[in-house]
C-alpha atoms as a PDB file:
ATOM      1  CA  MET A   1       0.000   0.000   0.000  1.00  0.00           C
ATOM      2  CA  SER A   2       2.672   2.479   1.010  1.00  0.00           C
ATOM      3  CA  GLY A   3       4.768   1.476  -2.003  1.00  0.00           C
ATOM      4  CA  ALA A   4       1.946   2.207  -4.446  1.00  0.00           C
ATOM      5  CA  THR A   5       1.158   5.488  -2.702  1.00  0.00           C
ATOM      6  CA  ARG A   6       4.817   6.482  -2.861  1.00  0.00           C
ATOM      7  CA  GLY A   7       4.984   5.662  -6.574  1.00  0.00           C
ATOM      8  CA  ILE A   8       1.918   7.795  -7.307  1.00  0.00           C
ATOM      9  CA  ARG A   9       3.297  10.616  -5.176  1.00  0.00           C
ATOM     10  CA  VAL A  10       6.632  10.532  -7.016  1.00  0.00           C
ATOM     11  CA  GLN A  11       4.830  10.538 -10.378  1.00  0.00           C
ATOM     12  CA  LEU A  12       2.739  13.556  -9.380  1.00  0.00           C
ATOM     13  CA  TRP A  13       5.870  15.311  -8.086  1.00  0.00           C
ATOM     14  CA  ASP A  14       7.686  14.682 -11.383  1.00  0.00           C
ATOM     15  CA  GLU A  15       4.702  16.036 -13.325  1.00  0.00           C
ATOM     16  CA  ALA A  16       4.539  19.097 -11.076  1.00  0.00           C
ATOM     17  CA  LEU A  17       8.261  19.748 -11.572  1.00  0.00           C
ATOM     18  CA  GLU A  18       7.880  19.434 -15.343  1.00  0.00           C
ATOM     19  CA  VAL A  19       4.973  21.901 -15.409  1.00  0.00           C
ATOM     20  CA  THR A  20       6.869  24.310 -13.148  1.00  0.00           C
ATOM     21  CA  ARG A  21       9.924  24.062 -15.404  1.00  0.00           C
ATOM     22  CA  GLN A  22       7.819  24.830 -18.482  1.00  0.00           C
ATOM     23  CA  LEU A  23       6.177  27.797 -16.760  1.00  0.00           C
ATOM     24  CA  MET A  24       9.574  29.145 -15.670  1.00  0.00           C
ATOM     25  CA  ASP A  25      10.871  28.739 -19.222  1.00  0.00           C
ATOM     26  CA  LEU A  26       7.884  30.689 -20.557  1.00  0.00           C
ATOM     27  CA  ALA A  27       8.330  33.383 -17.903  1.00  0.00           C
ATOM     28  CA  SER A  28      12.052  33.732 -18.585  1.00  0.00           C
ATOM     29  CA  PHE A  29      11.348  33.825 -22.322  1.00  0.00           C
ATOM     30  CA  ASP A  30       8.806  36.621 -21.805  1.00  0.00           C
ATOM     31  CA  LEU A  31      11.212  38.547 -19.567  1.00  0.00           C
ATOM     32  CA  HIS A  32      14.260  38.004 -21.772  1.00  0.00           C
ATOM     33  CA  PRO A  33      13.158  37.195 -25.342  1.00  0.00           C
ATOM     34  CA  SER A  34      16.698  37.731 -26.656  1.00  0.00           C
ATOM     35  CA  THR A  35      18.178  34.952 -24.461  1.00  0.00           C
ATOM     36  CA  ASN A  36      17.130  32.187 -26.826  1.00  0.00           C
END
């Protein structure tokens, strides 16, 4: 039970990190469009 819960929690955490990374990339691109 705890193993399955931990796996789901890790998956959600990875998805949250990916979304946060994408949002930060968009924000940095809007703030500094000449960087990329």
